[in-house]
Amino acid sequence: MKKNSIWKRLELFLRELYPNSVMATDIYILTNSITKIITKIYLISIKDFDSGIIINSIAIDNLDIQMSNYISEKSWDFFIKLNEWIIIERSWVKWITDISSNDLSISPMLNLYIWTLNCRKEEIMSAFNNCNKKVKILPEEEIYKKVFISYWWPDLEIAKQINTKLKEKWVKTWFFPESAVPWDKLHRIMFEWIEKNDKVLLICSKNSLNRSWILNEIERVLEKEAREWGINMFIPITLDNYIFDWWNPVNFDIKTQITSRVIVKIWNDLDKEIVNILLALK
């Protein structure tokens, strides 16, 4: 069965959150008899051997109050078969841990991951409370932080590759060739999107580090970090050794601020280093 991006994204998130576990997935399809609109409810059940608990999660593309009421009433019915299957997998339990399947319990909390929310979170919580059920809402932005990609034009090709690989992992990126609005002022774009994004992926190289545009971006991000009580926005990566050996900006504090962080080197295996970037985006 082909999985859509929201299902894949939640599955990846849960696998990383519960590495010592086994997972079962299923899909529940509803068809509105009047509108003929099809709604797919993606089900994921995790058996976590570290805690001895089964965690149930639902992913759904669009959620309104009517669908919230339906899911709150039927949520545990969706998972009967999955939970039965995952509990009887005794071979997994014996192989990984001494926990008996009979000792496993099902978490009373349902994870609900929504791509587009068409009602207030309070309405969802109320629907579940009315059914004496607990729910944890996982907005998609909670899985990976939004990232602004800072680069200079000679490094465009590697920036494109990085942007593509991050988007394949469902990271929301701001990448100038794709995200900039035509005719908008460049300085306005830079200030606005640095403020809106959680992280800044700074692509360092001999081509970029002495450009006034990149230096201005670095200063703006450092100002935001200081203004917001020392948050860490930068994810610096480098394409060469220039930042370490030869970079000597007029404001030397800029270099100190950047090189005091772990800098990922992108000149060997890009796929391997993308994993490190994803960890920084959690």
Protein backbone atom coordinates (compact mmCIF):
# COMPACT_ATOMS: atom_id res chain seq x y z
CA MET A 1 0.00 0.00 0.00
CA LYS A 2 1.47 3.34 -1.05
CA LYS A 3 1.89 5.77 1.82
CA ASN A 4 1.46 9.51 1.43
CA SER A 5 3.94 12.03 2.79
CA ILE A 6 2.13 12.74 6.07
CA TRP A 7 2.09 9.03 6.95
CA LYS A 8 5.75 8.61 6.03
CA ARG A 9 6.72 11.69 7.97
CA LEU A 10 4.97 10.57 11.16
CA GLU A 11 6.40 7.05 10.77
CA LEU A 12 9.96 8.43 10.45
CA PHE A 13 9.42 10.70 13.45
CA LEU A 14 8.13 7.83 15.62
CA ARG A 15 10.93 5.48 14.54
CA GLU A 16 13.51 8.02 15.65
CA LEU A 17 11.60 8.77 18.86
CA TYR A 18 11.28 5.06 19.74
CA PRO A 19 14.34 3.35 18.21
CA ASN A 20 13.96 0.18 20.32
CA SER A 21 10.51 -0.75 19.06
CA VAL A 22 8.42 -2.59 16.48
CA MET A 23 5.79 -0.81 14.37
CA ALA A 24 2.51 -1.81 12.73
CA THR A 25 0.60 0.39 10.27
CA ASP A 26 -2.84 0.38 8.68
CA ILE A 27 -5.28 2.71 6.98
CA TYR A 28 -8.97 3.43 7.64
CA ILE A 29 -10.91 4.88 4.71
CA LEU A 30 -14.15 6.81 5.04
CA THR A 31 -16.39 7.88 2.15
CA ASN A 32 -19.00 10.58 2.62
CA SER A 33 -22.23 9.13 1.20
CA ILE A 34 -23.42 12.57 0.07
CA THR A 35 -20.29 14.40 -1.13
CA LYS A 36 -18.37 11.21 -2.03
CA ILE A 37 -15.30 12.80 -0.47
CA ILE A 38 -12.81 10.18 0.69
CA THR A 39 -10.97 10.67 3.98
CA LYS A 40 -7.98 8.50 4.82
CA ILE A 41 -7.03 7.98 8.48
CA TYR A 42 -3.50 6.62 8.79
CA LEU A 43 -2.87 4.39 11.81
CA ILE A 44 0.48 3.64 13.45
CA SER A 45 0.97 1.44 16.50
CA ILE A 46 4.39 1.32 18.19
CA LYS A 47 5.48 -1.28 20.72
CA ASP A 48 8.26 0.44 22.68
CA PHE A 49 10.46 -2.08 24.47
CA ASP A 50 12.24 0.53 26.61
CA SER A 51 9.02 1.52 28.39
CA GLY A 52 6.94 -1.60 27.80
CA ILE A 53 4.14 0.55 26.41
CA ILE A 54 2.18 0.47 23.15
CA ILE A 55 1.71 3.95 21.65
CA ASN A 56 -1.06 4.59 19.12
CA SER A 57 -0.90 7.44 16.61
CA ILE A 58 -3.15 8.80 13.86
CA ALA A 59 -2.11 10.92 10.89
CA ILE A 60 -4.71 12.78 8.85
CA ASP A 61 -4.40 15.33 6.05
CA ASN A 62 -7.31 17.57 7.03
CA LEU A 63 -9.22 17.76 10.29
CA ASP A 64 -12.37 19.72 11.06
CA ILE A 65 -14.66 19.57 14.09
CA GLN A 66 -16.97 16.94 12.54
CA MET A 67 -14.05 14.59 11.87
CA SER A 68 -12.64 15.36 15.33
CA ASN A 69 -15.86 14.15 16.91
CA TYR A 70 -15.85 10.99 14.80
CA ILE A 71 -12.20 10.13 15.57
CA SER A 72 -12.63 10.82 19.27
CA GLU A 73 -15.55 8.35 19.41
CA LYS A 74 -13.99 5.63 17.23
CA SER A 75 -10.26 6.09 17.86
CA TRP A 76 -9.59 2.97 19.92
CA ASP A 77 -11.79 0.85 17.65
CA PHE A 78 -9.40 1.69 14.80
CA PHE A 79 -6.50 0.07 16.66
CA ILE A 80 -8.07 -3.23 17.81
CA LYS A 81 -6.46 -5.34 15.06
CA LEU A 82 -3.14 -3.49 15.15
CA ASN A 83 -2.84 -3.81 18.92
CA GLU A 84 -3.76 -7.50 18.80
CA TRP A 85 -1.07 -8.10 16.18
CA ILE A 86 1.59 -6.11 17.96
CA ILE A 87 0.95 -7.72 21.36
CA ILE A 88 1.27 -11.30 20.05
CA GLU A 89 4.63 -10.61 18.42
CA ARG A 90 6.35 -12.52 21.25
CA SER A 91 9.41 -13.28 19.16
CA TRP A 92 10.27 -9.57 19.01
CA VAL A 93 9.78 -9.20 22.75
CA LYS A 94 11.99 -12.18 23.54
CA TRP A 95 14.70 -11.06 21.14
CA ILE A 96 14.98 -7.45 22.31
CA THR A 97 14.00 -7.49 25.98
CA ASP A 98 12.89 -9.61 28.89
CA ILE A 99 9.52 -7.81 28.98
CA SER A 100 6.66 -10.27 28.58
CA SER A 101 3.92 -9.43 26.09
CA ASN A 102 1.46 -9.85 28.95
CA ASP A 103 3.21 -7.00 30.79
CA LEU A 104 2.79 -4.56 27.91
CA SER A 105 0.18 -1.85 28.40
CA ILE A 106 -1.46 0.52 25.94
CA SER A 107 -0.84 4.21 26.51
CA PRO A 108 -4.09 6.09 27.21
CA MET A 109 -2.73 9.00 25.16
CA LEU A 110 -3.42 9.07 21.42
CA ASN A 111 -0.98 11.00 19.20
CA LEU A 112 -2.84 12.97 16.53
CA TYR A 113 -0.73 14.36 13.68
CA ILE A 114 -2.53 16.83 11.42
CA TRP A 115 -1.31 18.41 8.20
CA THR A 116 -4.09 21.01 7.87
CA LEU A 117 -6.17 21.97 10.90
CA ASN A 118 -9.60 23.39 10.05
CA CYS A 119 -10.79 23.92 13.59
CA ARG A 120 -9.34 25.14 16.88
CA LYS A 121 -7.14 22.83 18.95
CA GLU A 122 -9.43 23.50 21.90
CA GLU A 123 -12.34 21.97 19.96
CA ILE A 124 -10.34 18.79 19.34
CA MET A 125 -9.36 18.54 23.00
CA SER A 126 -12.99 19.06 24.01
CA ALA A 127 -14.20 16.32 21.65
CA PHE A 128 -11.79 13.82 23.21
CA ASN A 129 -12.54 14.98 26.75
CA ASN A 130 -16.24 14.41 26.13
CA CYS A 131 -15.39 10.76 25.33
CA ASN A 132 -13.10 10.48 28.37
CA LYS A 133 -10.08 10.06 26.11
CA LYS A 134 -6.69 11.77 26.04
CA VAL A 135 -5.07 13.18 22.93
CA LYS A 136 -1.76 14.83 22.13
CA ILE A 137 -1.85 17.00 19.02
CA LEU A 138 1.34 16.94 16.95
CA PRO A 139 1.37 19.84 14.48
CA GLU A 140 3.75 19.13 11.60
CA GLU A 141 6.08 21.95 12.66
CA GLU A 142 6.83 20.06 15.87
CA ILE A 143 8.62 17.29 14.00
CA TYR A 144 11.25 19.38 12.24
CA LYS A 145 11.98 23.06 12.68
CA LYS A 146 11.64 25.41 9.72
CA VAL A 147 15.00 26.33 8.20
CA PHE A 148 16.26 29.32 6.18
CA ILE A 149 19.06 28.31 3.74
CA SER A 150 21.76 30.99 3.53
CA TYR A 151 24.27 30.71 0.65
CA TRP A 152 26.03 32.73 -2.04
CA TRP A 153 25.38 32.21 -5.76
CA PRO A 154 28.57 30.24 -6.66
CA ASP A 155 27.39 27.61 -4.16
CA LEU A 156 23.89 27.42 -5.66
CA GLU A 157 24.17 23.84 -6.93
CA ILE A 158 25.15 22.35 -3.55
CA ALA A 159 22.47 24.53 -1.90
CA LYS A 160 19.91 23.03 -4.32
CA GLN A 161 21.02 19.49 -3.44
CA ILE A 162 20.77 20.19 0.29
CA ASN A 163 17.35 21.81 -0.11
CA THR A 164 16.08 18.82 -2.13
CA LYS A 165 17.34 16.28 0.39
CA LEU A 166 15.83 18.17 3.33
CA LYS A 167 12.46 18.42 1.58
CA GLU A 168 12.59 14.68 0.87
CA LYS A 169 12.64 14.30 4.67
CA TRP A 170 9.62 16.68 4.89
CA VAL A 171 11.60 19.58 6.34
CA LYS A 172 10.07 22.98 5.60
CA THR A 173 12.77 25.11 3.96
CA TRP A 174 13.02 28.73 2.86
CA PHE A 175 15.19 28.61 -0.25
CA PHE A 176 15.50 31.79 -2.31
CA PRO A 177 14.96 30.36 -5.84
CA GLU A 178 11.74 28.66 -4.69
CA SER A 179 10.46 30.87 -1.90
CA ALA A 180 11.20 34.49 -2.79
CA VAL A 181 8.30 36.64 -4.01
CA PRO A 182 9.07 38.41 -7.32
CA TRP A 183 9.71 42.15 -7.03
CA ASP A 184 9.92 42.06 -3.25
CA LYS A 185 12.81 43.99 -1.70
CA LEU A 186 15.78 41.77 -0.89
CA HIS A 187 16.53 43.26 2.52
CA ARG A 188 12.87 42.93 3.51
CA ILE A 189 12.92 39.28 2.42
CA MET A 190 16.01 38.56 4.50
CA PHE A 191 14.76 40.23 7.68
CA GLU A 192 11.26 38.77 7.42
CA TRP A 193 12.29 35.17 6.81
CA ILE A 194 15.06 35.08 9.37
CA GLU A 195 12.40 36.12 11.89
CA LYS A 196 9.91 33.50 10.68
CA ASN A 197 12.25 30.49 10.60
CA ASP A 198 13.54 28.52 13.57
CA LYS A 199 16.96 27.72 12.15
CA VAL A 200 19.41 29.16 9.62
CA LEU A 201 21.51 26.72 7.61
CA LEU A 202 24.64 28.76 6.87
CA ILE A 203 26.59 27.39 3.89
CA CYS A 204 30.16 28.60 4.46
CA SER A 205 32.83 28.73 1.77
CA LYS A 206 35.50 30.97 0.30
CA ASN A 207 32.79 32.16 -2.11
CA SER A 208 30.38 33.32 0.59
CA LEU A 209 31.97 34.40 3.83
CA ASN A 210 33.26 37.81 2.73
CA ARG A 211 30.11 38.85 0.89
CA SER A 212 28.31 41.76 2.52
CA TRP A 213 24.94 40.06 2.00
CA ILE A 214 26.00 36.94 3.91
CA LEU A 215 27.69 39.00 6.63
CA ASN A 216 24.47 41.00 7.06
CA GLU A 217 22.48 37.77 7.40
CA ILE A 218 24.91 36.47 10.02
CA GLU A 219 24.65 39.71 12.03
CA ARG A 220 20.83 39.66 11.87
CA VAL A 221 20.71 36.08 13.13
CA LEU A 222 23.18 36.81 15.95
CA GLU A 223 21.03 39.79 16.95
CA LYS A 224 17.94 37.56 17.07
CA GLU A 225 19.81 34.96 19.15
CA ALA A 226 20.82 37.63 21.66
CA ARG A 227 17.36 39.20 21.69
CA GLU A 228 15.68 35.86 22.40
CA TRP A 229 17.85 34.90 25.35
CA GLY A 230 20.58 33.01 23.61
CA ILE A 231 18.60 30.65 21.38
CA ASN A 232 20.77 28.71 18.93
CA MET A 233 19.62 29.37 15.37
CA PHE A 234 22.71 28.67 13.30
CA ILE A 235 23.50 25.32 11.72
CA PRO A 236 26.84 26.13 10.05
CA ILE A 237 28.13 23.81 7.34
CA THR A 238 31.25 24.33 5.25
CA LEU A 239 32.34 23.36 1.75
CA ASP A 240 36.05 24.01 2.37
CA ASN A 241 38.55 24.98 5.10
CA TYR A 242 38.32 28.73 4.47
CA ILE A 243 36.26 29.43 7.61
CA PHE A 244 38.91 27.80 9.80
CA ASP A 245 42.17 28.89 8.17
CA TRP A 246 41.75 32.13 6.25
CA TRP A 247 38.48 33.89 7.13
CA ASN A 248 39.30 37.18 8.85
CA PRO A 249 36.19 39.42 8.92
CA VAL A 250 36.46 43.04 10.08
CA ASN A 251 34.11 42.21 12.94
CA PHE A 252 36.10 39.25 14.26
CA ASP A 253 33.42 38.45 16.82
CA ILE A 254 31.33 37.09 13.95
CA LYS A 255 33.95 34.41 13.30
CA THR A 256 34.17 33.61 16.99
CA GLN A 257 30.40 33.23 17.22
CA ILE A 258 30.23 30.86 14.24
CA THR A 259 33.34 28.75 14.84
CA SER A 260 32.38 28.19 18.49
CA ARG A 261 29.69 25.80 17.15
CA VAL A 262 30.05 22.34 15.65
CA ILE A 263 30.48 22.89 11.90
CA VAL A 264 29.43 20.11 9.53
CA LYS A 265 31.86 19.52 6.66
CA ILE A 266 30.12 18.87 3.34
CA TRP A 267 32.81 17.64 1.01
CA ASN A 268 32.66 13.88 1.34
CA ASP A 269 29.30 12.15 1.78
CA LEU A 270 26.36 14.56 1.53
CA ASP A 271 23.79 11.88 2.42
CA LYS A 272 25.65 11.10 5.64
CA GLU A 273 25.90 14.76 6.63
CA ILE A 274 22.21 15.36 5.92
CA VAL A 275 21.51 13.01 8.83
CA ASN A 276 23.50 15.33 11.11
CA ILE A 277 21.62 18.36 9.78
CA LEU A 278 18.29 16.62 10.48
CA LEU A 279 19.38 15.94 14.06
CA ALA A 280 20.13 19.66 14.46
CA LEU A 281 16.65 20.45 13.15
CA LYS A 282 14.82 18.36 15.78
